[in-house]
Amino acid sequence: MEDNGNGWKDHLIHQLFVPQEAQKILRIPLIDRAQDDTLTWDGTLDGNYTVKTGYTAIKDWEEHSSSNIASSSGTPNDIW
């Protein structure tokens, strides 16, 4: 990307990639204006992290992981 974030450095893209890949890259749209990154937590509606929501996410993940292991731990006799 250009230093100002307003476009691709076409010459550099063409220099680094084969023509077909360069064209694909150059077709990727860029945002019109720069915006600051923000940290958000996907575990809540408002995006704010709390220890409680972190704990809940870990427990949900552990429960999901253990149920996948239990359902996929069949013996060969179960399969055949």
N, C-alpha and C. Protein backbone atom coordinates (compact mmCIF):
# COMPACT_ATOMS: atom_id res chain seq x y z
N MET A 1 0.84 -1.18 0.00
CA MET A 1 0.00 0.00 0.00
C MET A 1 0.88 1.25 0.00
N GLU A 2 0.33 2.28 -0.55
CA GLU A 2 1.03 3.57 -0.52
C GLU A 2 1.18 4.00 0.94
N ASP A 3 2.17 4.82 1.21
CA ASP A 3 2.42 5.27 2.57
C ASP A 3 1.23 6.00 3.18
N ASN A 4 0.47 6.69 2.35
CA ASN A 4 -0.70 7.41 2.85
C ASN A 4 -1.93 6.52 2.97
N GLY A 5 -1.80 5.25 2.56
CA GLY A 5 -2.91 4.31 2.69
C GLY A 5 -4.00 4.46 1.66
N ASN A 6 -3.76 5.27 0.63
CA ASN A 6 -4.81 5.56 -0.35
C ASN A 6 -4.76 4.70 -1.61
N GLY A 7 -3.91 3.72 -1.66
CA GLY A 7 -3.85 2.89 -2.86
C GLY A 7 -2.70 1.91 -2.79
N TRP A 8 -2.65 1.09 -3.83
CA TRP A 8 -1.59 0.09 -3.94
C TRP A 8 -0.37 0.70 -4.59
N LYS A 9 0.79 0.18 -4.26
CA LYS A 9 2.02 0.52 -4.98
C LYS A 9 2.08 -0.43 -6.17
N ASP A 10 1.40 -0.02 -7.25
CA ASP A 10 1.24 -0.89 -8.42
C ASP A 10 2.57 -1.46 -8.91
N HIS A 11 3.56 -0.59 -9.05
CA HIS A 11 4.86 -1.04 -9.58
C HIS A 11 5.47 -2.12 -8.69
N LEU A 12 5.33 -1.99 -7.39
CA LEU A 12 5.90 -2.97 -6.47
C LEU A 12 5.13 -4.29 -6.53
N ILE A 13 3.80 -4.21 -6.62
CA ILE A 13 2.98 -5.42 -6.72
C ILE A 13 3.36 -6.19 -7.98
N HIS A 14 3.50 -5.48 -9.10
CA HIS A 14 3.88 -6.14 -10.36
C HIS A 14 5.29 -6.71 -10.30
N GLN A 15 6.15 -6.09 -9.52
CA GLN A 15 7.53 -6.55 -9.39
C GLN A 15 7.60 -7.82 -8.54
N LEU A 16 6.74 -7.93 -7.54
CA LEU A 16 6.83 -9.04 -6.58
C LEU A 16 5.99 -10.26 -6.95
N PHE A 17 4.97 -10.07 -7.78
CA PHE A 17 4.04 -11.16 -8.07
C PHE A 17 3.92 -11.41 -9.57
N VAL A 18 3.55 -12.64 -9.90
CA VAL A 18 3.29 -12.96 -11.31
C VAL A 18 2.07 -12.15 -11.74
N PRO A 19 1.93 -11.86 -13.04
CA PRO A 19 0.85 -10.99 -13.51
C PRO A 19 -0.55 -11.37 -13.03
N GLN A 20 -0.87 -12.65 -13.07
CA GLN A 20 -2.22 -13.07 -12.67
C GLN A 20 -2.48 -12.75 -11.19
N GLU A 21 -1.50 -13.01 -10.33
CA GLU A 21 -1.65 -12.73 -8.91
C GLU A 21 -1.66 -11.23 -8.64
N ALA A 22 -0.82 -10.50 -9.35
CA ALA A 22 -0.77 -9.05 -9.19
C ALA A 22 -2.13 -8.43 -9.49
N GLN A 23 -2.78 -8.88 -10.56
CA GLN A 23 -4.10 -8.34 -10.91
C GLN A 23 -5.13 -8.64 -9.82
N LYS A 24 -5.06 -9.82 -9.25
CA LYS A 24 -5.99 -10.16 -8.15
C LYS A 24 -5.77 -9.25 -6.96
N ILE A 25 -4.52 -9.03 -6.62
CA ILE A 25 -4.20 -8.16 -5.48
C ILE A 25 -4.69 -6.75 -5.74
N LEU A 26 -4.43 -6.24 -6.93
CA LEU A 26 -4.81 -4.87 -7.26
C LEU A 26 -6.32 -4.67 -7.32
N ARG A 27 -7.07 -5.76 -7.45
CA ARG A 27 -8.53 -5.65 -7.45
C ARG A 27 -9.11 -5.62 -6.04
N ILE A 28 -8.28 -5.87 -5.03
CA ILE A 28 -8.78 -5.82 -3.66
C ILE A 28 -9.04 -4.37 -3.31
N PRO A 29 -10.28 -4.04 -2.95
CA PRO A 29 -10.58 -2.64 -2.64
C PRO A 29 -9.97 -2.21 -1.31
N LEU A 30 -9.57 -0.97 -1.26
CA LEU A 30 -9.04 -0.38 -0.04
C LEU A 30 -10.04 0.63 0.49
N ILE A 31 -10.04 0.82 1.80
CA ILE A 31 -10.96 1.80 2.36
C ILE A 31 -10.55 3.20 1.94
N ASP A 32 -11.52 4.09 1.85
CA ASP A 32 -11.25 5.44 1.40
C ASP A 32 -10.54 6.29 2.45
N ARG A 33 -10.76 5.96 3.70
CA ARG A 33 -10.17 6.78 4.76
C ARG A 33 -9.54 5.87 5.80
N ALA A 34 -8.49 6.36 6.37
CA ALA A 34 -7.83 5.58 7.43
C ALA A 34 -8.62 5.73 8.72
N GLN A 35 -8.70 4.67 9.46
CA GLN A 35 -9.35 4.73 10.76
C GLN A 35 -8.49 3.99 11.77
N ASP A 36 -8.57 4.43 13.00
CA ASP A 36 -7.78 3.81 14.05
C ASP A 36 -8.31 2.43 14.37
N ASP A 37 -7.40 1.53 14.68
CA ASP A 37 -7.79 0.20 15.13
C ASP A 37 -8.39 0.30 16.53
N THR A 38 -9.31 -0.59 16.80
CA THR A 38 -9.89 -0.64 18.14
C THR A 38 -9.88 -2.08 18.62
N LEU A 39 -9.76 -2.24 19.92
CA LEU A 39 -9.83 -3.56 20.51
C LEU A 39 -11.27 -3.83 20.92
N THR A 40 -11.80 -4.95 20.48
CA THR A 40 -13.15 -5.33 20.88
C THR A 40 -13.15 -6.79 21.29
N TRP A 41 -14.07 -7.14 22.14
CA TRP A 41 -14.22 -8.49 22.65
C TRP A 41 -15.48 -9.07 22.03
N ASP A 42 -15.34 -10.18 21.33
CA ASP A 42 -16.46 -10.80 20.64
C ASP A 42 -17.42 -11.50 21.61
N GLY A 43 -17.02 -11.61 22.87
CA GLY A 43 -17.83 -12.33 23.84
C GLY A 43 -18.97 -11.51 24.44
N THR A 44 -19.09 -10.25 24.08
CA THR A 44 -20.18 -9.42 24.60
C THR A 44 -20.79 -8.59 23.48
N LEU A 45 -22.00 -8.14 23.70
CA LEU A 45 -22.67 -7.32 22.69
C LEU A 45 -22.01 -5.95 22.54
N ASP A 46 -21.52 -5.40 23.68
CA ASP A 46 -20.93 -4.06 23.60
C ASP A 46 -19.43 -4.08 23.26
N GLY A 47 -18.83 -5.27 23.18
CA GLY A 47 -17.43 -5.38 22.80
C GLY A 47 -16.44 -5.17 23.92
N ASN A 48 -16.92 -5.01 25.14
CA ASN A 48 -16.04 -4.79 26.28
C ASN A 48 -15.74 -6.11 26.99
N TYR A 49 -14.46 -6.32 27.30
CA TYR A 49 -14.03 -7.54 27.98
C TYR A 49 -14.18 -7.38 29.48
N THR A 50 -14.67 -8.44 30.12
CA THR A 50 -14.65 -8.54 31.57
C THR A 50 -14.11 -9.92 31.93
N VAL A 51 -13.64 -10.07 33.15
CA VAL A 51 -13.15 -11.37 33.59
C VAL A 51 -14.28 -12.39 33.50
N LYS A 52 -15.48 -11.98 33.84
CA LYS A 52 -16.63 -12.89 33.80
C LYS A 52 -16.86 -13.41 32.38
N THR A 53 -16.83 -12.52 31.39
CA THR A 53 -17.07 -12.97 30.02
C THR A 53 -15.90 -13.80 29.50
N GLY A 54 -14.69 -13.51 29.96
CA GLY A 54 -13.54 -14.33 29.60
C GLY A 54 -13.67 -15.73 30.17
N TYR A 55 -14.08 -15.80 31.43
CA TYR A 55 -14.28 -17.10 32.09
C TYR A 55 -15.37 -17.89 31.38
N THR A 56 -16.46 -17.24 31.05
CA THR A 56 -17.56 -17.90 30.35
C THR A 56 -17.09 -18.43 28.99
N ALA A 57 -16.31 -17.65 28.29
CA ALA A 57 -15.80 -18.07 26.98
C ALA A 57 -14.91 -19.30 27.11
N ILE A 58 -14.05 -19.32 28.13
CA ILE A 58 -13.17 -20.48 28.34
C ILE A 58 -13.99 -21.71 28.67
N LYS A 59 -14.98 -21.57 29.54
CA LYS A 59 -15.82 -22.71 29.91
C LYS A 59 -16.58 -23.23 28.70
N ASP A 60 -17.12 -22.33 27.89
CA ASP A 60 -17.83 -22.74 26.67
C ASP A 60 -16.89 -23.46 25.72
N TRP A 61 -15.67 -22.93 25.56
CA TRP A 61 -14.69 -23.55 24.68
C TRP A 61 -14.32 -24.95 25.19
N GLU A 62 -14.09 -25.06 26.51
CA GLU A 62 -13.74 -26.36 27.08
C GLU A 62 -14.87 -27.37 26.88
N GLU A 63 -16.10 -26.92 27.09
CA GLU A 63 -17.26 -27.80 26.93
C GLU A 63 -17.38 -28.26 25.48
N HIS A 64 -17.21 -27.33 24.56
CA HIS A 64 -17.29 -27.65 23.13
C HIS A 64 -16.18 -28.62 22.73
N SER A 65 -14.96 -28.36 23.22
CA SER A 65 -13.82 -29.22 22.89
C SER A 65 -14.00 -30.63 23.43
N SER A 66 -14.48 -30.75 24.67
CA SER A 66 -14.63 -32.08 25.26
C SER A 66 -15.77 -32.85 24.60
N SER A 67 -16.82 -32.17 24.15
CA SER A 67 -17.90 -32.88 23.48
C SER A 67 -17.45 -33.37 22.10
N ASN A 68 -16.57 -32.63 21.43
CA ASN A 68 -16.04 -33.08 20.14
C ASN A 68 -15.14 -34.29 20.32
N ILE A 69 -14.34 -34.30 21.38
CA ILE A 69 -13.46 -35.43 21.65
C ILE A 69 -14.28 -36.66 21.98
N ALA A 70 -15.31 -36.49 22.82
CA ALA A 70 -16.14 -37.63 23.22
C ALA A 70 -16.87 -38.22 22.02
N SER A 71 -17.34 -37.39 21.12
CA SER A 71 -18.11 -37.89 19.98
C SER A 71 -17.21 -38.51 18.91
N SER A 72 -15.92 -38.19 18.92
CA SER A 72 -15.04 -38.72 17.89
C SER A 72 -14.09 -39.79 18.41
N SER A 73 -14.32 -40.26 19.63
CA SER A 73 -13.38 -41.23 20.20
C SER A 73 -13.93 -42.65 20.12
N GLY A 74 -14.54 -42.98 18.98
CA GLY A 74 -15.08 -44.32 18.80
C GLY A 74 -13.97 -45.35 18.62
N THR A 75 -14.25 -46.57 19.02
CA THR A 75 -13.29 -47.65 18.82
C THR A 75 -13.47 -48.20 17.41
N PRO A 76 -12.51 -48.96 16.93
CA PRO A 76 -12.66 -49.55 15.59
C PRO A 76 -13.94 -50.38 15.47
N ASN A 77 -14.36 -51.04 16.56
CA ASN A 77 -15.60 -51.82 16.51
C ASN A 77 -16.82 -50.93 16.26
N ASP A 78 -16.78 -49.69 16.79
CA ASP A 78 -17.88 -48.76 16.55
C ASP A 78 -17.92 -48.34 15.09
N ILE A 79 -16.76 -48.24 14.49
CA ILE A 79 -16.68 -47.78 13.10
C ILE A 79 -17.05 -48.90 12.13
N TRP A 80 -16.55 -50.09 12.36
CA TRP A 80 -16.76 -51.20 11.45
C TRP A 80 -17.98 -51.95 11.86
